[in-house]
All heavy atoms as atom14 arrays in JSON, in Angstrom:
{
  "sequence": "AAKYELPAPLAKRLSGTTKAELEADAKELQKLIAPSAPES",
  "atom14_mask": [
    [1, 1, 1, 1, 1, 0, 0, 0, 0, 0, 0, 0, 0, 0],
    [1, 1, 1, 1, 1, 0, 0, 0, 0, 0, 0, 0, 0, 0],
    [1, 1, 1, 1, 1, 1, 1, 1, 1, 0, 0, 0, 0, 0],
    [1, 1, 1, 1, 1, 1, 1, 1, 1, 1, 1, 1, 0, 0],
    [1, 1, 1, 1, 1, 1, 1, 1, 1, 0, 0, 0, 0, 0],
    [1, 1, 1, 1, 1, 1, 1, 1, 0, 0, 0, 0, 0, 0],
    [1, 1, 1, 1, 1, 1, 1, 0, 0, 0, 0, 0, 0, 0],
    [1, 1, 1, 1, 1, 0, 0, 0, 0, 0, 0, 0, 0, 0],
    [1, 1, 1, 1, 1, 1, 1, 0, 0, 0, 0, 0, 0, 0],
    [1, 1, 1, 1, 1, 1, 1, 1, 0, 0, 0, 0, 0, 0],
    [1, 1, 1, 1, 1, 0, 0, 0, 0, 0, 0, 0, 0, 0],
    [1, 1, 1, 1, 1, 1, 1, 1, 1, 0, 0, 0, 0, 0],
    [1, 1, 1, 1, 1, 1, 1, 1, 1, 1, 1, 0, 0, 0],
    [1, 1, 1, 1, 1, 1, 1, 1, 0, 0, 0, 0, 0, 0],
    [1, 1, 1, 1, 1, 1, 0, 0, 0, 0, 0, 0, 0, 0],
    [1, 1, 1, 1, 0, 0, 0, 0, 0, 0, 0, 0, 0, 0],
    [1, 1, 1, 1, 1, 1, 1, 0, 0, 0, 0, 0, 0, 0],
    [1, 1, 1, 1, 1, 1, 1, 0, 0, 0, 0, 0, 0, 0],
    [1, 1, 1, 1, 1, 1, 1, 1, 1, 0, 0, 0, 0, 0],
    [1, 1, 1, 1, 1, 0, 0, 0, 0, 0, 0, 0, 0, 0],
    [1, 1, 1, 1, 1, 1, 1, 1, 1, 0, 0, 0, 0, 0],
    [1, 1, 1, 1, 1, 1, 1, 1, 0, 0, 0, 0, 0, 0],
    [1, 1, 1, 1, 1, 1, 1, 1, 1, 0, 0, 0, 0, 0],
    [1, 1, 1, 1, 1, 0, 0, 0, 0, 0, 0, 0, 0, 0],
    [1, 1, 1, 1, 1, 1, 1, 1, 0, 0, 0, 0, 0, 0],
    [1, 1, 1, 1, 1, 0, 0, 0, 0, 0, 0, 0, 0, 0],
    [1, 1, 1, 1, 1, 1, 1, 1, 1, 0, 0, 0, 0, 0],
    [1, 1, 1, 1, 1, 1, 1, 1, 1, 0, 0, 0, 0, 0],
    [1, 1, 1, 1, 1, 1, 1, 1, 0, 0, 0, 0, 0, 0],
    [1, 1, 1, 1, 1, 1, 1, 1, 1, 0, 0, 0, 0, 0],
    [1, 1, 1, 1, 1, 1, 1, 1, 1, 0, 0, 0, 0, 0],
    [1, 1, 1, 1, 1, 1, 1, 1, 0, 0, 0, 0, 0, 0],
    [1, 1, 1, 1, 1, 1, 1, 1, 0, 0, 0, 0, 0, 0],
    [1, 1, 1, 1, 1, 0, 0, 0, 0, 0, 0, 0, 0, 0],
    [1, 1, 1, 1, 1, 1, 1, 0, 0, 0, 0, 0, 0, 0],
    [1, 1, 1, 1, 1, 1, 0, 0, 0, 0, 0, 0, 0, 0],
    [1, 1, 1, 1, 1, 0, 0, 0, 0, 0, 0, 0, 0, 0],
    [1, 1, 1, 1, 1, 1, 1, 0, 0, 0, 0, 0, 0, 0],
    [1, 1, 1, 1, 1, 1, 1, 1, 1, 0, 0, 0, 0, 0],
    [1, 1, 1, 1, 1, 1, 0, 0, 0, 0, 0, 0, 0, 0]
  ],
  "atom14_positions": [
    [[-10.62, 0.88, 2.14], [-10.53, 0.44, 3.51], [-11.69, -0.49, 3.83], [-11.48, -1.51, 4.53], [-10.54, 1.62, 4.48], [0.0, 0.0, 0.0], [0.0, 0.0, 0.0], [0.0, 0.0, 0.0], [0.0, 0.0, 0.0], [0.0, 0.0, 0.0], [0.0, 0.0, 0.0], [0.0, 0.0, 0.0], [0.0, 0.0, 0.0], [0.0, 0.0, 0.0]],
    [[-12.87, -0.2, 3.38], [-14.0, -1.06, 3.65], [-13.9, -2.4, 2.95], [-14.24, -3.44, 3.45], [-15.3, -0.37, 3.22], [0.0, 0.0, 0.0], [0.0, 0.0, 0.0], [0.0, 0.0, 0.0], [0.0, 0.0, 0.0], [0.0, 0.0, 0.0], [0.0, 0.0, 0.0], [0.0, 0.0, 0.0], [0.0, 0.0, 0.0], [0.0, 0.0, 0.0]],
    [[-13.34, -2.35, 1.73], [-13.17, -3.6, 0.94], [-12.17, -4.53, 1.67], [-12.42, -5.75, 1.65], [-12.62, -3.22, -0.46], [-12.47, -4.42, -1.35], [-11.97, -4.02, -2.76], [-11.75, -5.19, -3.65], [-11.27, -4.81, -4.95], [0.0, 0.0, 0.0], [0.0, 0.0, 0.0], [0.0, 0.0, 0.0], [0.0, 0.0, 0.0], [0.0, 0.0, 0.0]],
    [[-11.16, -4.0, 2.26], [-10.17, -4.83, 2.88], [-10.31, -4.88, 4.42], [-9.45, -5.31, 5.15], [-8.73, -4.35, 2.53], [-8.49, -4.68, 1.08], [-8.62, -3.72, 0.11], [-8.07, -5.95, 0.66], [-8.4, -3.99, -1.24], [-7.85, -6.23, -0.63], [-8.01, -5.27, -1.6], [-7.79, -5.57, -2.95], [0.0, 0.0, 0.0], [0.0, 0.0, 0.0]],
    [[-11.48, -4.38, 4.89], [-11.86, -4.37, 6.3], [-10.78, -3.8, 7.17], [-10.43, -4.32, 8.23], [-12.18, -5.84, 6.75], [-13.34, -6.46, 5.97], [-13.59, -7.91, 6.31], [-12.8, -8.49, 7.06], [-14.61, -8.44, 5.83], [0.0, 0.0, 0.0], [0.0, 0.0, 0.0], [0.0, 0.0, 0.0], [0.0, 0.0, 0.0], [0.0, 0.0, 0.0]],
    [[-10.34, -2.62, 6.82], [-9.34, -1.93, 7.63], [-10.05, -0.95, 8.59], [-11.06, -0.29, 8.14], [-8.39, -1.14, 6.74], [-7.47, -1.96, 5.85], [-6.65, -1.03, 4.94], [-6.57, -2.85, 6.65], [0.0, 0.0, 0.0], [0.0, 0.0, 0.0], [0.0, 0.0, 0.0], [0.0, 0.0, 0.0], [0.0, 0.0, 0.0], [0.0, 0.0, 0.0]],
    [[-9.59, -0.79, 9.79], [-10.2, 0.22, 10.69], [-9.93, 1.65, 10.17], [-8.98, 1.86, 9.43], [-9.58, -0.06, 12.01], [-8.36, -0.88, 11.75], [-8.54, -1.58, 10.48], [0.0, 0.0, 0.0], [0.0, 0.0, 0.0], [0.0, 0.0, 0.0], [0.0, 0.0, 0.0], [0.0, 0.0, 0.0], [0.0, 0.0, 0.0], [0.0, 0.0, 0.0]],
    [[-10.74, 2.56, 10.65], [-10.65, 3.96, 10.18], [-9.25, 4.6, 10.4], [-8.74, 5.27, 9.52], [-11.69, 4.82, 10.84], [0.0, 0.0, 0.0], [0.0, 0.0, 0.0], [0.0, 0.0, 0.0], [0.0, 0.0, 0.0], [0.0, 0.0, 0.0], [0.0, 0.0, 0.0], [0.0, 0.0, 0.0], [0.0, 0.0, 0.0], [0.0, 0.0, 0.0]],
    [[-8.56, 4.36, 11.55], [-7.24, 4.93, 11.72], [-6.24, 4.44, 10.67], [-5.35, 5.21, 10.2], [-6.8, 4.5, 13.12], [-8.07, 4.2, 13.83], [-9.03, 3.73, 12.76], [0.0, 0.0, 0.0], [0.0, 0.0, 0.0], [0.0, 0.0, 0.0], [0.0, 0.0, 0.0], [0.0, 0.0, 0.0], [0.0, 0.0, 0.0], [0.0, 0.0, 0.0]],
    [[-6.39, 3.18, 10.25], [-5.44, 2.69, 9.19], [-5.85, 3.18, 7.82], [-5.0, 3.27, 6.94], [-5.38, 1.16, 9.24], [-4.6, 0.56, 10.4], [-4.63, -0.99, 10.32], [-3.16, 1.05, 10.35], [0.0, 0.0, 0.0], [0.0, 0.0, 0.0], [0.0, 0.0, 0.0], [0.0, 0.0, 0.0], [0.0, 0.0, 0.0], [0.0, 0.0, 0.0]],
    [[-7.11, 3.42, 7.64], [-7.57, 3.9, 6.35], [-6.93, 5.23, 6.02], [-6.64, 5.55, 4.85], [-9.07, 4.02, 6.29], [0.0, 0.0, 0.0], [0.0, 0.0, 0.0], [0.0, 0.0, 0.0], [0.0, 0.0, 0.0], [0.0, 0.0, 0.0], [0.0, 0.0, 0.0], [0.0, 0.0, 0.0], [0.0, 0.0, 0.0], [0.0, 0.0, 0.0]],
    [[-6.73, 6.04, 7.03], [-6.1, 7.37, 6.8], [-4.62, 7.21, 6.41], [-4.09, 8.12, 5.82], [-6.16, 8.23, 8.11], [-7.53, 8.54, 8.5], [-7.55, 9.3, 9.84], [-8.95, 9.52, 10.36], [-8.97, 10.1, 11.67], [0.0, 0.0, 0.0], [0.0, 0.0, 0.0], [0.0, 0.0, 0.0], [0.0, 0.0, 0.0], [0.0, 0.0, 0.0]],
    [[-4.01, 6.1, 6.74], [-2.59, 5.91, 6.46], [-2.32, 5.23, 5.12], [-1.15, 4.97, 4.79], [-1.98, 5.09, 7.6], [-2.06, 5.78, 8.94], [-1.41, 4.96, 10.02], [-1.54, 5.56, 11.3], [-0.64, 6.4, 11.8], [0.46, 6.66, 11.18], [-0.82, 6.93, 12.99], [0.0, 0.0, 0.0], [0.0, 0.0, 0.0], [0.0, 0.0, 0.0]],
    [[-3.35, 4.94, 4.38], [-3.13, 4.35, 3.08], [-2.4, 5.32, 2.16], [-2.66, 6.51, 2.16], [-4.47, 3.97, 2.41], [-5.22, 2.8, 3.06], [-6.57, 2.61, 2.36], [-4.4, 1.51, 2.93], [0.0, 0.0, 0.0], [0.0, 0.0, 0.0], [0.0, 0.0, 0.0], [0.0, 0.0, 0.0], [0.0, 0.0, 0.0], [0.0, 0.0, 0.0]],
    [[-1.45, 4.79, 1.38], [-0.71, 5.66, 0.49], [-0.83, 5.15, -0.92], [-0.95, 4.0, -1.19], [0.78, 5.65, 0.91], [1.33, 4.37, 0.77], [0.0, 0.0, 0.0], [0.0, 0.0, 0.0], [0.0, 0.0, 0.0], [0.0, 0.0, 0.0], [0.0, 0.0, 0.0], [0.0, 0.0, 0.0], [0.0, 0.0, 0.0], [0.0, 0.0, 0.0]],
    [[-0.78, 6.11, -1.83], [-0.92, 5.82, -3.23], [-1.85, 6.84, -3.86], [-2.63, 7.49, -3.19], [0.0, 0.0, 0.0], [0.0, 0.0, 0.0], [0.0, 0.0, 0.0], [0.0, 0.0, 0.0], [0.0, 0.0, 0.0], [0.0, 0.0, 0.0], [0.0, 0.0, 0.0], [0.0, 0.0, 0.0], [0.0, 0.0, 0.0], [0.0, 0.0, 0.0]],
    [[-1.74, 6.97, -5.18], [-2.54, 7.94, -5.89], [-3.67, 7.3, -6.65], [-4.72, 7.89, -6.88], [-1.7, 8.81, -6.81], [-0.97, 7.95, -7.68], [-0.73, 9.69, -6.05], [0.0, 0.0, 0.0], [0.0, 0.0, 0.0], [0.0, 0.0, 0.0], [0.0, 0.0, 0.0], [0.0, 0.0, 0.0], [0.0, 0.0, 0.0], [0.0, 0.0, 0.0]],
    [[-3.46, 6.08, -7.11], [-4.46, 5.37, -7.89], [-5.14, 4.31, -7.03], [-4.64, 3.97, -5.95], [-3.85, 4.66, -9.11], [-2.94, 3.65, -8.71], [-3.16, 5.67, -10.01], [0.0, 0.0, 0.0], [0.0, 0.0, 0.0], [0.0, 0.0, 0.0], [0.0, 0.0, 0.0], [0.0, 0.0, 0.0], [0.0, 0.0, 0.0], [0.0, 0.0, 0.0]],
    [[-6.25, 3.82, -7.52], [-6.98, 2.76, -6.77], [-6.12, 1.49, -6.63], [-6.1, 0.88, -5.58], [-8.31, 2.45, -7.45], [-9.16, 1.5, -6.71], [-10.5, 1.33, -7.39], [-11.34, 0.33, -6.53], [-12.69, 0.17, -7.09], [0.0, 0.0, 0.0], [0.0, 0.0, 0.0], [0.0, 0.0, 0.0], [0.0, 0.0, 0.0], [0.0, 0.0, 0.0]],
    [[-5.37, 1.15, -7.69], [-4.55, -0.08, -7.66], [-3.48, 0.09, -6.57], [-3.19, -0.88, -5.84], [-3.92, -0.3, -9.04], [0.0, 0.0, 0.0], [0.0, 0.0, 0.0], [0.0, 0.0, 0.0], [0.0, 0.0, 0.0], [0.0, 0.0, 0.0], [0.0, 0.0, 0.0], [0.0, 0.0, 0.0], [0.0, 0.0, 0.0], [0.0, 0.0, 0.0]],
    [[-2.84, 1.26, -6.48], [-1.8, 1.45, -5.47], [-2.4, 1.41, -4.06], [-1.79, 0.83, -3.16], [-1.11, 2.84, -5.71], [-0.29, 2.89, -6.98], [0.23, 4.31, -7.24], [-0.2, 5.27, -6.56], [1.06, 4.46, -8.16], [0.0, 0.0, 0.0], [0.0, 0.0, 0.0], [0.0, 0.0, 0.0], [0.0, 0.0, 0.0], [0.0, 0.0, 0.0]],
    [[-3.56, 2.02, -3.92], [-4.21, 2.0, -2.61], [-4.59, 0.54, -2.18], [-4.44, 0.17, -1.05], [-5.46, 2.92, -2.59], [-5.2, 4.4, -2.64], [-6.48, 5.13, -2.87], [-4.51, 4.84, -1.36], [0.0, 0.0, 0.0], [0.0, 0.0, 0.0], [0.0, 0.0, 0.0], [0.0, 0.0, 0.0], [0.0, 0.0, 0.0], [0.0, 0.0, 0.0]],
    [[-5.07, -0.2, -3.16], [-5.48, -1.6, -2.84], [-4.26, -2.43, -2.48], [-4.3, -3.25, -1.61], [-6.24, -2.21, -3.99], [-7.62, -1.69, -4.14], [-8.45, -2.37, -5.19], [-7.89, -3.15, -6.0], [-9.66, -2.1, -5.26], [0.0, 0.0, 0.0], [0.0, 0.0, 0.0], [0.0, 0.0, 0.0], [0.0, 0.0, 0.0], [0.0, 0.0, 0.0]],
    [[-3.13, -2.21, -3.15], [-1.9, -2.93, -2.85], [-1.43, -2.6, -1.42], [-1.06, -3.45, -0.65], [-0.82, -2.61, -3.85], [0.0, 0.0, 0.0], [0.0, 0.0, 0.0], [0.0, 0.0, 0.0], [0.0, 0.0, 0.0], [0.0, 0.0, 0.0], [0.0, 0.0, 0.0], [0.0, 0.0, 0.0], [0.0, 0.0, 0.0], [0.0, 0.0, 0.0]],
    [[-1.52, -1.32, -1.08], [-1.13, -0.91, 0.26], [-2.12, -1.51, 1.31], [-1.69, -1.88, 2.36], [-1.11, 0.63, 0.35], [-0.42, 1.11, 1.59], [0.5, 0.43, 2.12], [-0.82, 2.18, 2.1], [0.0, 0.0, 0.0], [0.0, 0.0, 0.0], [0.0, 0.0, 0.0], [0.0, 0.0, 0.0], [0.0, 0.0, 0.0], [0.0, 0.0, 0.0]],
    [[-3.41, -1.51, 0.96], [-4.38, -2.07, 1.9], [-4.17, -3.55, 2.13], [-4.34, -4.08, 3.26], [-5.8, -1.79, 1.32], [0.0, 0.0, 0.0], [0.0, 0.0, 0.0], [0.0, 0.0, 0.0], [0.0, 0.0, 0.0], [0.0, 0.0, 0.0], [0.0, 0.0, 0.0], [0.0, 0.0, 0.0], [0.0, 0.0, 0.0], [0.0, 0.0, 0.0]],
    [[-3.76, -4.26, 1.09], [-3.47, -5.69, 1.27], [-2.3, -5.91, 2.21], [-2.35, -6.83, 3.05], [-3.12, -6.34, -0.09], [-4.29, -6.53, -1.0], [-3.9, -7.14, -2.32], [-5.02, -7.22, -3.31], [-4.6, -7.71, -4.63], [0.0, 0.0, 0.0], [0.0, 0.0, 0.0], [0.0, 0.0, 0.0], [0.0, 0.0, 0.0], [0.0, 0.0, 0.0]],
    [[-1.29, -5.1, 2.08], [-0.14, -5.2, 3.0], [-0.57, -4.89, 4.44], [-0.16, -5.58, 5.41], [0.98, -4.24, 2.56], [1.59, -4.62, 1.26], [2.26, -5.99, 1.32], [2.95, -6.27, 2.29], [2.15, -6.74, 0.33], [0.0, 0.0, 0.0], [0.0, 0.0, 0.0], [0.0, 0.0, 0.0], [0.0, 0.0, 0.0], [0.0, 0.0, 0.0]],
    [[-1.37, -3.84, 4.6], [-1.82, -3.53, 6.0], [-2.73, -4.59, 6.57], [-2.64, -4.9, 7.72], [-2.57, -2.16, 5.99], [-1.68, -0.94, 5.89], [-2.56, 0.31, 5.73], [-0.8, -0.81, 7.09], [0.0, 0.0, 0.0], [0.0, 0.0, 0.0], [0.0, 0.0, 0.0], [0.0, 0.0, 0.0], [0.0, 0.0, 0.0], [0.0, 0.0, 0.0]],
    [[-3.54, -5.18, 5.68], [-4.42, -6.27, 6.09], [-3.65, -7.48, 6.6], [-4.02, -8.1, 7.57], [-5.37, -6.64, 4.99], [-6.45, -7.59, 5.42], [-7.36, -8.03, 4.23], [-6.86, -8.14, 3.12], [-8.57, -8.27, 4.53], [0.0, 0.0, 0.0], [0.0, 0.0, 0.0], [0.0, 0.0, 0.0], [0.0, 0.0, 0.0], [0.0, 0.0, 0.0]],
    [[-2.56, -7.76, 5.97], [-1.72, -8.86, 6.42], [-1.21, -8.6, 7.84], [-1.02, -9.55, 8.63], [-0.53, -9.04, 5.48], [-0.9, -9.63, 4.13], [0.32, -9.71, 3.27], [-0.04, -10.09, 1.86], [1.13, -10.1, 0.96], [0.0, 0.0, 0.0], [0.0, 0.0, 0.0], [0.0, 0.0, 0.0], [0.0, 0.0, 0.0], [0.0, 0.0, 0.0]],
    [[-0.91, -7.37, 8.13], [-0.3, -7.02, 9.43], [-1.34, -7.07, 10.58], [-0.99, -7.37, 11.71], [0.33, -5.65, 9.4], [1.5, -5.46, 8.46], [1.93, -4.03, 8.39], [2.64, -6.38, 8.88], [0.0, 0.0, 0.0], [0.0, 0.0, 0.0], [0.0, 0.0, 0.0], [0.0, 0.0, 0.0], [0.0, 0.0, 0.0], [0.0, 0.0, 0.0]],
    [[-2.59, -6.78, 10.25], [-3.6, -6.72, 11.33], [-4.47, -7.95, 11.35], [-5.24, -8.14, 12.32], [-4.54, -5.49, 11.18], [-5.34, -5.56, 9.93], [-3.74, -4.23, 11.28], [-6.49, -4.59, 9.92], [0.0, 0.0, 0.0], [0.0, 0.0, 0.0], [0.0, 0.0, 0.0], [0.0, 0.0, 0.0], [0.0, 0.0, 0.0], [0.0, 0.0, 0.0]],
    [[-4.41, -8.81, 10.38], [-5.29, -9.98, 10.31], [-4.91, -10.96, 11.47], [-3.72, -11.25, 11.67], [-5.17, -10.69, 8.98], [0.0, 0.0, 0.0], [0.0, 0.0, 0.0], [0.0, 0.0, 0.0], [0.0, 0.0, 0.0], [0.0, 0.0, 0.0], [0.0, 0.0, 0.0], [0.0, 0.0, 0.0], [0.0, 0.0, 0.0], [0.0, 0.0, 0.0]],
    [[-5.91, -11.43, 12.22], [-5.6, -12.35, 13.29], [-5.12, -13.68, 12.72], [-5.65, -14.15, 11.68], [-6.93, -12.52, 14.05], [-7.97, -12.15, 13.02], [-7.31, -11.15, 12.1], [0.0, 0.0, 0.0], [0.0, 0.0, 0.0], [0.0, 0.0, 0.0], [0.0, 0.0, 0.0], [0.0, 0.0, 0.0], [0.0, 0.0, 0.0], [0.0, 0.0, 0.0]],
    [[-4.16, -14.24, 13.37], [-3.68, -15.53, 12.86], [-4.68, -16.63, 13.25], [-5.3, -16.6, 14.29], [-2.28, -15.83, 13.48], [-2.39, -15.88, 14.86], [0.0, 0.0, 0.0], [0.0, 0.0, 0.0], [0.0, 0.0, 0.0], [0.0, 0.0, 0.0], [0.0, 0.0, 0.0], [0.0, 0.0, 0.0], [0.0, 0.0, 0.0], [0.0, 0.0, 0.0]],
    [[-4.78, -17.6, 12.41], [-5.7, -18.72, 12.67], [-5.11, -19.6, 13.78], [-3.92, -19.86, 13.79], [-5.87, -19.5, 11.42], [0.0, 0.0, 0.0], [0.0, 0.0, 0.0], [0.0, 0.0, 0.0], [0.0, 0.0, 0.0], [0.0, 0.0, 0.0], [0.0, 0.0, 0.0], [0.0, 0.0, 0.0], [0.0, 0.0, 0.0], [0.0, 0.0, 0.0]],
    [[-5.94, -20.08, 14.67], [-5.43, -20.97, 15.71], [-4.99, -22.28, 15.1], [-5.38, -22.68, 14.01], [-6.65, -21.2, 16.62], [-7.83, -20.82, 15.79], [-7.37, -19.83, 14.8], [0.0, 0.0, 0.0], [0.0, 0.0, 0.0], [0.0, 0.0, 0.0], [0.0, 0.0, 0.0], [0.0, 0.0, 0.0], [0.0, 0.0, 0.0], [0.0, 0.0, 0.0]],
    [[-4.06, -22.96, 15.8], [-3.54, -24.23, 15.34], [-4.58, -25.25, 15.14], [-4.62, -25.99, 14.14], [-2.47, -24.75, 16.24], [-1.21, -23.9, 16.27], [-0.21, -24.45, 17.26], [-0.31, -25.63, 17.61], [0.68, -23.7, 17.7], [0.0, 0.0, 0.0], [0.0, 0.0, 0.0], [0.0, 0.0, 0.0], [0.0, 0.0, 0.0], [0.0, 0.0, 0.0]],
    [[-5.48, -25.37, 16.09], [-6.49, -26.42, 16.02], [-7.79, -25.88, 16.61], [-7.81, -25.15, 17.57], [-6.05, -27.62, 16.86], [-7.08, -28.54, 16.95], [0.0, 0.0, 0.0], [0.0, 0.0, 0.0], [0.0, 0.0, 0.0], [0.0, 0.0, 0.0], [0.0, 0.0, 0.0], [0.0, 0.0, 0.0], [0.0, 0.0, 0.0], [0.0, 0.0, 0.0]]
  ]
}
């Protein structure tokens, strides 16, 4: 969660048994919470 800058409530929701599975899930969650870049 710290590596992908996820807040603590989302860190609890990570699913997977291995580190690779957890990182894949964290990447998906990060896409959902990442602020979109402004147009200009």
